[in-house]
Amino acid sequence: MRTWLEIDFSKMKKNLDVVKGVLPEGCELIAVVKANAYGHGFVKTAEKLAEFGVKRFAVACISEAMELREAKVPGSVLVLGSTEPADAAKAAENDITLACVGADHFEALRKAAEAYKKELGESAKPLNIHVAVNTGMNRIGFDCKTEEQMDRIAAAYRAANGDPDSPVRITGIFSHFSSADDTSEGADPYTKLQLSRYEAVLAHLNKLGIDPGLRHISNSGGIGKYPQARFDVVRCGALIYGYNTAMDAKLPVEPAMEWKTSVTVIRTIDKGDAVSYSRKFVADGPRVIATLGIGYADGLSRALSNKGYVLINGCKAPMVGNICMDQMMVDITEIQLQAEEAAGADAGKCLNSKECGCSGAIRPVKVGDEAIIIGRSGDLVITADDVAEIQGSCMHEVLSTIGRRVDRIYK
């Protein structure tokens, strides 16, 4: 294999148990499996989570929802993003719940569901929707700052649930924290403002005698940090896969994935020799370069070029030159030097001029050796958070952009 993931479901189960352990009695968990289950493998991960007792899943789009249904993964499925009205019949027929992102969207979904009902008659199933409320993310959802805006939400409930023959049923209401995982100044007050707006909508509906259905606003960042925001269910993605997003309210979870590749070629280059496209790395002296079987088409960001590193034989090997579509190069000079001098007085001492922090790898790198993109090698660990920091992104992007051609090995 060129490059592969090793995914440990036992760790995922422990992470799931950690999250369940902080939830109050009666509060359930929606497992967020969008974006190929954050790179872990969509159907396989959902199937295993269902075995672990998860009964609710959330995805980004109707195609992901249909993939779960076609795989016969048990449990409810909620589409978190906006869905075209043309897919309303597909959703109703397959018991897929859609997010309703505004008044116009509600009317379009209602009309599409009505047409579906007329076509199928008594056999038509109702279209279930969750109302999305814009409390401050300003992405999707009904606005809710004024009573007039909250009345529009109530009107949708009455239109859907007040008529027993309605082709649409509102079964829940949700919002999304923008900054629950943020520690910068102003983030906590803004999160609490979002929560207060959401609670105001719930209070408004209650005053009008309207049952809101399933209530949810908390994501992985909010689960440990804002216990008052747990309501009926929480949406959990990153924590299940072993990553805290709220660093000031960490839960004891552990990454369930390691990402590996292998050394395919080793060569020594001379001073003045360039590596990879556009000559972005030019050797200042003799260097030992290893080629690895992974590139940006596998999901490894090109932004890591000349900045990132991999782990080989318990040491850091810096990336050199531009990352290619299917391959990349790293500098293993210091690792090879360390191996050569291991029998001398400095045996066991790291000779890496980059101060890599390893415990003193003594084995030279050979063709076929593993290189760790995410995971452990000896005493060193590199996480998706580490990779994200180097490339100027977030852990979610690092994981969710891992390509489908990367083999996945499940334990």
Protein backbone atom coordinates (compact mmCIF):
# COMPACT_ATOMS: atom_id res chain seq x y z
CA MET A 1 0.00 0.00 0.00
CA ARG A 2 1.18 3.53 -0.82
CA THR A 3 -0.57 5.20 2.07
CA TRP A 4 -3.12 3.97 4.55
CA LEU A 5 -5.11 4.70 7.69
CA GLU A 6 -5.21 2.42 10.70
CA ILE A 7 -8.46 2.98 12.57
CA ASP A 8 -8.96 1.55 16.03
CA PHE A 9 -12.65 1.13 16.81
CA SER A 10 -11.90 0.20 20.42
CA LYS A 11 -10.57 3.74 20.93
CA MET A 12 -13.63 5.16 19.23
CA LYS A 13 -15.82 3.15 21.60
CA LYS A 14 -13.92 4.53 24.60
CA ASN A 15 -14.33 8.07 23.27
CA LEU A 16 -18.04 7.49 22.81
CA ASP A 17 -18.32 6.23 26.39
CA VAL A 18 -16.45 9.30 27.67
CA VAL A 19 -18.94 11.61 25.97
CA LYS A 20 -21.94 9.62 27.14
CA GLY A 21 -20.53 9.73 30.64
CA VAL A 22 -20.84 13.53 30.88
CA LEU A 23 -24.35 13.73 29.45
CA PRO A 24 -27.29 14.07 31.85
CA GLU A 25 -29.90 11.36 32.08
CA GLY A 26 -32.27 11.53 29.14
CA CYS A 27 -29.86 13.40 26.88
CA GLU A 28 -28.95 11.45 23.75
CA LEU A 29 -26.11 11.72 21.26
CA ILE A 30 -26.21 12.38 17.53
CA ALA A 31 -23.07 11.01 15.89
CA VAL A 32 -21.88 13.37 13.16
CA VAL A 33 -20.51 11.20 10.37
CA LYS A 34 -20.41 13.71 7.52
CA ALA A 35 -17.34 14.12 5.30
CA ASN A 36 -16.59 10.39 5.23
CA ALA A 37 -16.87 10.26 9.04
CA TYR A 38 -14.13 12.88 9.32
CA GLY A 39 -11.99 10.75 7.04
CA HIS A 40 -12.44 7.55 9.04
CA GLY A 41 -14.63 5.82 6.45
CA PHE A 42 -18.32 6.66 6.21
CA VAL A 43 -20.31 3.43 6.20
CA LYS A 44 -17.85 1.31 8.21
CA THR A 45 -17.72 3.92 10.97
CA ALA A 46 -21.49 4.42 11.05
CA GLU A 47 -22.07 0.66 11.19
CA LYS A 48 -19.65 0.30 14.09
CA LEU A 49 -21.16 3.25 15.97
CA ALA A 50 -24.58 1.66 15.55
CA GLU A 51 -23.15 -1.52 17.09
CA PHE A 52 -21.95 0.66 19.97
CA GLY A 53 -25.51 1.83 20.58
CA VAL A 54 -25.70 5.06 18.59
CA LYS A 55 -29.26 5.55 17.33
CA ARG A 56 -28.98 8.96 15.68
CA PHE A 57 -26.70 10.16 12.89
CA ALA A 58 -26.11 13.53 11.22
CA VAL A 59 -24.70 14.15 7.76
CA ALA A 60 -24.12 17.17 5.54
CA CYS A 61 -26.19 16.36 2.46
CA ILE A 62 -28.84 14.08 0.99
CA SER A 63 -26.29 11.95 -0.89
CA GLU A 64 -24.56 11.06 2.39
CA ALA A 65 -27.92 10.26 3.96
CA MET A 66 -28.84 7.99 1.06
CA GLU A 67 -25.51 6.20 1.35
CA LEU A 68 -26.36 5.31 4.96
CA ARG A 69 -29.84 4.17 3.97
CA GLU A 70 -28.53 2.04 1.08
CA ALA A 71 -26.05 0.44 3.47
CA LYS A 72 -28.98 -0.26 5.84
CA VAL A 73 -27.29 1.40 8.80
CA PRO A 74 -29.97 1.47 11.51
CA GLY A 75 -31.00 4.73 13.15
CA SER A 76 -32.38 8.13 12.31
CA VAL A 77 -30.53 10.38 9.86
CA LEU A 78 -30.54 14.18 9.93
CA VAL A 79 -29.20 16.28 7.04
CA LEU A 80 -27.62 19.37 8.60
CA GLY A 81 -27.23 21.45 5.45
CA SER A 82 -29.76 22.93 3.07
CA THR A 83 -31.44 20.41 0.76
CA GLU A 84 -33.00 21.19 -2.60
CA PRO A 85 -36.81 20.81 -2.63
CA ALA A 86 -36.40 18.39 -5.56
CA ASP A 87 -34.97 15.90 -3.05
CA ALA A 88 -37.85 16.22 -0.57
CA ALA A 89 -39.64 13.12 -1.90
CA LYS A 90 -36.43 11.08 -1.67
CA ALA A 91 -36.00 12.20 1.93
CA ALA A 92 -39.58 11.41 2.90
CA GLU A 93 -39.54 8.01 1.23
CA ASN A 94 -36.34 7.03 3.04
CA ASP A 95 -37.15 8.46 6.48
CA ILE A 96 -34.46 11.10 6.23
CA THR A 97 -34.96 14.26 8.28
CA LEU A 98 -34.03 17.54 6.60
CA ALA A 99 -32.90 20.84 8.05
CA CYS A 100 -35.24 23.72 7.19
CA VAL A 101 -33.06 26.79 6.79
CA GLY A 102 -35.63 29.58 6.52
CA ALA A 103 -39.20 30.58 5.76
CA ASP A 104 -38.81 30.41 1.98
CA HIS A 105 -37.11 27.04 2.27
CA PHE A 106 -39.96 25.77 4.45
CA GLU A 107 -42.54 26.79 1.86
CA ALA A 108 -40.55 25.18 -0.95
CA LEU A 109 -40.15 21.93 1.00
CA ARG A 110 -43.86 21.96 1.90
CA LYS A 111 -44.89 22.33 -1.75
CA ALA A 112 -42.51 19.56 -2.83
CA ALA A 113 -43.83 17.25 -0.11
CA GLU A 114 -47.40 18.09 -1.12
CA ALA A 115 -46.66 17.10 -4.72
CA TYR A 116 -45.10 13.85 -3.52
CA LYS A 117 -48.17 13.12 -1.39
CA LYS A 118 -50.54 13.75 -4.30
CA GLU A 119 -48.53 11.41 -6.50
CA LEU A 120 -48.38 8.52 -4.01
CA GLY A 121 -51.62 9.08 -2.15
CA GLU A 122 -52.12 7.19 1.11
CA SER A 123 -48.75 5.44 0.86
CA ALA A 124 -46.81 8.73 0.98
CA LYS A 125 -44.78 9.30 4.10
CA PRO A 126 -44.58 12.74 5.74
CA LEU A 127 -41.40 14.76 5.30
CA ASN A 128 -39.76 15.27 8.69
CA ILE A 129 -37.77 18.45 9.22
CA HIS A 130 -35.79 20.15 11.97
CA VAL A 131 -35.99 23.93 12.04
CA ALA A 132 -32.57 25.59 11.90
CA VAL A 133 -32.31 28.81 13.93
CA ASN A 134 -29.68 31.45 13.24
CA THR A 135 -28.53 32.51 16.69
CA GLY A 136 -25.24 34.01 15.56
CA MET A 137 -23.40 31.71 13.16
CA ASN A 138 -25.05 33.59 10.27
CA ARG A 139 -24.84 30.61 7.97
CA ILE A 140 -28.31 29.02 7.77
CA GLY A 141 -31.53 29.23 9.73
CA PHE A 142 -34.48 31.41 10.66
CA ASP A 143 -33.43 34.71 12.21
CA CYS A 144 -34.64 35.08 15.79
CA LYS A 145 -33.61 38.44 17.22
CA THR A 146 -37.12 39.93 17.28
CA GLU A 147 -40.57 38.69 18.25
CA GLU A 148 -41.67 39.12 14.65
CA GLN A 149 -38.88 36.81 13.51
CA MET A 150 -39.76 34.25 16.20
CA ASP A 151 -43.39 34.42 15.03
CA ARG A 152 -42.23 33.24 11.60
CA ILE A 153 -40.79 30.15 13.26
CA ALA A 154 -44.05 29.59 15.10
CA ALA A 155 -45.97 29.99 11.83
CA ALA A 156 -43.94 27.20 10.27
CA TYR A 157 -44.75 24.94 13.22
CA ARG A 158 -48.46 25.69 12.90
CA ALA A 159 -48.44 25.07 9.16
CA ALA A 160 -46.61 21.77 9.55
CA ASN A 161 -47.97 20.34 12.80
CA GLY A 162 -51.32 22.08 13.16
CA ASP A 163 -52.88 20.25 10.22
CA PRO A 164 -53.14 16.44 10.52
CA ASP A 165 -53.06 16.18 6.72
CA SER A 166 -49.89 18.25 6.34
CA PRO A 167 -47.22 16.56 4.20
CA VAL A 168 -44.54 18.06 6.46
CA ARG A 169 -43.81 17.45 10.14
CA ILE A 170 -41.44 19.53 12.25
CA THR A 171 -39.81 17.13 14.69
CA GLY A 172 -37.00 19.26 16.10
CA ILE A 173 -35.28 22.62 16.32
CA PHE A 174 -31.56 23.32 16.41
CA SER A 175 -28.86 25.94 16.20
CA HIS A 176 -25.07 25.85 16.03
CA PHE A 177 -22.41 27.44 18.22
CA SER A 178 -19.82 29.40 16.26
CA SER A 179 -17.27 29.83 19.06
CA ALA A 180 -17.81 27.21 21.76
CA ASP A 181 -14.29 25.90 21.13
CA ASP A 182 -12.74 29.37 21.01
CA THR A 183 -10.67 30.77 23.88
CA SER A 184 -10.19 34.26 22.45
CA GLU A 185 -11.63 37.33 24.11
CA GLY A 186 -15.34 37.67 23.48
CA ALA A 187 -15.91 34.04 22.49
CA ASP A 188 -17.55 32.94 25.75
CA PRO A 189 -20.00 35.90 25.92
CA TYR A 190 -20.90 35.33 22.26
CA THR A 191 -21.59 31.64 22.85
CA LYS A 192 -23.79 32.54 25.81
CA LEU A 193 -25.58 35.12 23.65
CA GLN A 194 -26.29 32.41 21.08
CA LEU A 195 -27.62 30.16 23.82
CA SER A 196 -29.86 32.91 25.20
CA ARG A 197 -31.31 33.55 21.73
CA TYR A 198 -32.02 29.87 21.27
CA GLU A 199 -33.67 29.68 24.68
CA ALA A 200 -35.76 32.74 23.82
CA VAL A 201 -37.10 30.93 20.74
CA LEU A 202 -37.97 27.89 22.86
CA ALA A 203 -39.69 30.11 25.42
CA HIS A 204 -41.65 31.85 22.65
CA LEU A 205 -42.87 28.54 21.26
CA ASN A 206 -43.75 27.32 24.75
CA LYS A 207 -45.77 30.49 25.39
CA LEU A 208 -47.76 29.75 22.24
CA GLY A 209 -48.34 26.14 23.28
CA ILE A 210 -46.10 24.71 20.55
CA ASP A 211 -44.06 21.58 21.19
CA PRO A 212 -40.60 22.27 19.64
CA GLY A 213 -39.69 18.60 19.31
CA LEU A 214 -36.07 17.50 19.66
CA ARG A 215 -33.89 20.39 20.89
CA HIS A 216 -30.17 20.57 20.12
CA ILE A 217 -27.50 23.25 19.87
CA SER A 218 -24.33 21.80 21.41
CA ASN A 219 -21.47 20.50 19.27
CA SER A 220 -18.23 18.82 20.36
CA GLY A 221 -16.84 22.17 21.47
CA GLY A 222 -19.82 22.84 23.70
CA ILE A 223 -20.44 19.40 25.20
CA GLY A 224 -17.88 19.66 28.00
CA LYS A 225 -17.82 23.44 28.27
CA TYR A 226 -21.50 24.38 28.35
CA PRO A 227 -23.49 21.73 30.25
CA GLN A 228 -26.51 24.05 30.29
CA ALA A 229 -26.71 23.71 26.49
CA ARG A 230 -27.18 19.96 26.27
CA PHE A 231 -31.01 19.91 26.02
CA ASP A 232 -32.47 16.70 24.47
CA VAL A 233 -29.52 15.70 22.28
CA VAL A 234 -25.98 16.85 21.48
CA ARG A 235 -24.23 16.61 18.13
CA CYS A 236 -20.85 14.96 18.47
CA GLY A 237 -18.23 14.54 15.78
CA ALA A 238 -14.65 15.45 16.74
CA LEU A 239 -14.85 13.98 20.25
CA ILE A 240 -15.92 10.58 18.92
CA TYR A 241 -12.87 10.51 16.66
CA GLY A 242 -10.60 11.47 19.55
CA TYR A 243 -10.14 15.23 19.27
CA ASN A 244 -11.00 17.95 21.73
CA THR A 245 -11.97 21.24 20.14
CA ALA A 246 -12.53 23.20 23.37
CA MET A 247 -9.00 23.17 24.77
CA ASP A 248 -10.15 24.78 28.03
CA ALA A 249 -12.66 21.99 28.68
CA LYS A 250 -10.89 18.84 27.54
CA LEU A 251 -12.39 15.38 27.83
CA PRO A 252 -10.10 12.30 28.05
CA VAL A 253 -10.47 11.15 24.44
CA GLU A 254 -7.80 9.63 22.19
CA PRO A 255 -7.41 9.77 18.39
CA ALA A 256 -8.74 6.61 16.79
CA MET A 257 -6.79 7.04 13.55
CA GLU A 258 -3.17 6.79 12.45
CA TRP A 259 -2.15 7.87 8.95
CA LYS A 260 0.90 6.18 7.46
CA THR A 261 2.90 5.89 4.29
CA SER A 262 6.20 4.21 3.42
CA VAL A 263 9.62 5.07 2.10
CA THR A 264 9.94 4.19 -1.60
CA VAL A 265 13.33 5.67 -2.57
CA ILE A 266 16.40 6.95 -0.71
CA ARG A 267 19.10 9.04 -2.42
CA THR A 268 21.93 11.38 -1.47
CA ILE A 269 21.97 14.78 -3.16
CA ASP A 270 24.79 17.33 -3.41
CA LYS A 271 25.04 20.99 -2.53
CA GLY A 272 23.02 23.02 -5.01
CA ASP A 273 20.70 20.16 -5.96
CA ALA A 274 16.98 21.03 -5.89
CA VAL A 275 14.10 18.85 -4.73
CA SER A 276 10.66 18.67 -6.34
CA TYR A 277 8.72 21.11 -8.50
CA SER A 278 9.74 24.78 -8.76
CA ARG A 279 13.03 24.28 -6.87
CA LYS A 280 11.59 25.43 -3.54
CA PHE A 281 14.25 23.45 -1.68
CA VAL A 282 17.91 23.68 -2.66
CA ALA A 283 20.46 21.70 -0.64
CA ASP A 284 23.10 23.70 1.24
CA GLY A 285 25.28 20.62 1.38
CA PRO A 286 25.05 16.86 0.96
CA ARG A 287 21.63 15.66 2.17
CA VAL A 288 19.90 12.27 2.33
CA ILE A 289 16.41 12.47 0.87
CA ALA A 290 13.63 9.89 1.18
CA THR A 291 10.66 9.76 -1.17
CA LEU A 292 7.30 8.78 0.36
CA GLY A 293 4.26 7.32 -1.38
CA ILE A 294 1.78 10.06 -0.49
CA GLY A 295 0.79 13.37 -2.05
CA TYR A 296 -1.79 16.09 -2.09
CA ALA A 297 -4.23 13.94 -4.10
CA ASP A 298 -4.39 11.74 -1.00
CA GLY A 299 -5.44 14.73 1.09
CA LEU A 300 -2.06 15.86 2.40
CA SER A 301 -2.13 19.63 2.04
CA ARG A 302 0.44 21.21 -0.28
CA ALA A 303 0.60 24.01 2.29
CA LEU A 304 2.84 21.69 4.35
CA SER A 305 5.58 21.90 1.72
CA ASN A 306 8.92 22.84 3.33
CA LYS A 307 7.12 23.36 6.66
CA GLY A 308 5.73 20.05 7.87
CA TYR A 309 7.37 16.86 9.04
CA VAL A 310 6.75 13.14 9.35
CA LEU A 311 7.95 10.65 11.95
CA ILE A 312 10.31 7.86 10.92
CA ASN A 313 12.05 5.50 13.35
CA GLY A 314 11.08 7.71 16.29
CA CYS A 315 12.48 10.94 14.83
CA LYS A 316 11.16 13.92 12.91
CA ALA A 317 11.97 14.08 9.21
CA PRO A 318 11.23 17.52 7.73
CA MET A 319 9.31 17.79 4.46
CA VAL A 320 11.46 19.27 1.70
CA GLY A 321 10.38 20.65 -1.65
CA ASN A 322 6.82 21.02 -2.87
CA ILE A 323 4.50 18.14 -2.08
CA CYS A 324 3.57 16.43 -5.37
CA MET A 325 0.21 15.00 -6.38
CA ASP A 326 1.14 11.42 -5.44
CA GLN A 327 4.55 11.63 -3.74
CA MET A 328 6.58 13.79 -1.39
CA MET A 329 10.14 14.03 -0.09
CA VAL A 330 11.62 14.34 3.38
CA ASP A 331 15.13 14.98 4.68
CA ILE A 332 16.48 12.02 6.67
CA THR A 333 20.08 13.21 6.90
CA GLU A 334 20.08 13.63 10.69
CA ILE A 335 18.36 10.29 11.27
CA GLN A 336 20.96 8.48 9.18
CA LEU A 337 23.78 10.36 10.96
CA GLN A 338 22.31 9.41 14.30
CA ALA A 339 22.20 5.76 13.29
CA GLU A 340 25.83 5.87 12.12
CA GLU A 341 27.06 7.39 15.38
CA ALA A 342 24.88 5.30 17.68
CA ALA A 343 27.74 2.97 18.49
CA GLY A 344 29.90 5.85 19.68
CA ALA A 345 29.91 7.95 22.82
CA ASP A 346 26.64 9.58 21.91
CA ALA A 347 24.75 6.31 21.60
CA GLY A 348 21.10 6.84 22.38
CA LYS A 349 21.41 10.62 22.20
CA CYS A 350 19.48 12.50 19.52
CA LEU A 351 21.89 14.11 17.07
CA ASN A 352 19.16 15.78 15.04
CA SER A 353 20.18 19.42 14.55
CA LYS A 354 16.47 20.27 14.44
CA GLU A 355 16.15 19.19 18.10
CA CYS A 356 13.39 16.77 17.20
CA GLY A 357 12.80 15.63 20.78
CA CYS A 358 13.09 11.92 20.09
CA SER A 359 14.61 9.48 22.54
CA GLY A 360 17.50 8.55 20.27
CA ALA A 361 16.49 6.44 17.27
CA ILE A 362 19.45 4.31 16.22
CA ARG A 363 18.07 2.43 13.22
CA PRO A 364 18.82 3.89 9.78
CA VAL A 365 15.91 4.56 7.47
CA LYS A 366 15.45 1.91 4.78
CA VAL A 367 13.16 1.55 1.78
CA GLY A 368 9.87 0.11 3.04
CA ASP A 369 10.02 1.78 6.46
CA GLU A 370 6.85 3.40 7.75
CA ALA A 371 6.54 7.18 7.82
CA ILE A 372 3.88 8.57 10.15
CA ILE A 373 1.75 11.48 8.98
CA ILE A 374 -0.58 11.27 12.01
CA GLY A 375 0.17 8.91 14.88
CA ARG A 376 3.04 7.59 16.98
CA SER A 377 6.61 6.59 16.18
CA GLY A 378 8.72 5.66 19.19
CA ASP A 379 8.25 8.32 21.84
CA LEU A 380 6.95 10.94 19.42
CA VAL A 381 3.35 11.64 18.47
CA ILE A 382 1.96 13.90 15.77
CA THR A 383 -1.77 14.66 15.77
CA ALA A 384 -4.15 16.20 13.28
CA ASP A 385 -4.04 19.31 15.49
CA ASP A 386 -0.26 19.48 15.00
CA VAL A 387 -0.59 19.13 11.23
CA ALA A 388 -3.35 21.74 11.16
CA GLU A 389 -1.26 24.26 13.08
CA ILE A 390 1.60 23.93 10.59
CA GLN A 391 -0.59 24.28 7.51
CA GLY A 392 -2.66 27.10 9.01
CA SER A 393 -5.95 25.23 9.18
CA CYS A 394 -7.99 23.16 11.62
CA MET A 395 -8.08 19.53 12.63
CA HIS A 396 -11.47 19.10 10.94
CA GLU A 397 -10.01 20.00 7.55
CA VAL A 398 -6.97 17.77 7.98
CA LEU A 399 -9.12 14.72 8.73
CA SER A 400 -12.06 15.34 6.41
CA THR A 401 -9.92 15.90 3.32
CA ILE A 402 -8.09 12.56 3.56
CA GLY A 403 -8.84 10.99 0.19
CA ARG A 404 -10.94 7.92 -0.45
CA ARG A 405 -8.07 6.28 -2.34
CA VAL A 406 -6.18 6.07 0.96
CA ASP A 407 -6.64 2.50 2.17
CA ARG A 408 -8.38 2.11 5.50
CA ILE A 409 -7.49 -0.74 7.83
CA TYR A 410 -9.92 -1.32 10.71
CA LYS A 411 -9.00 -2.88 14.02
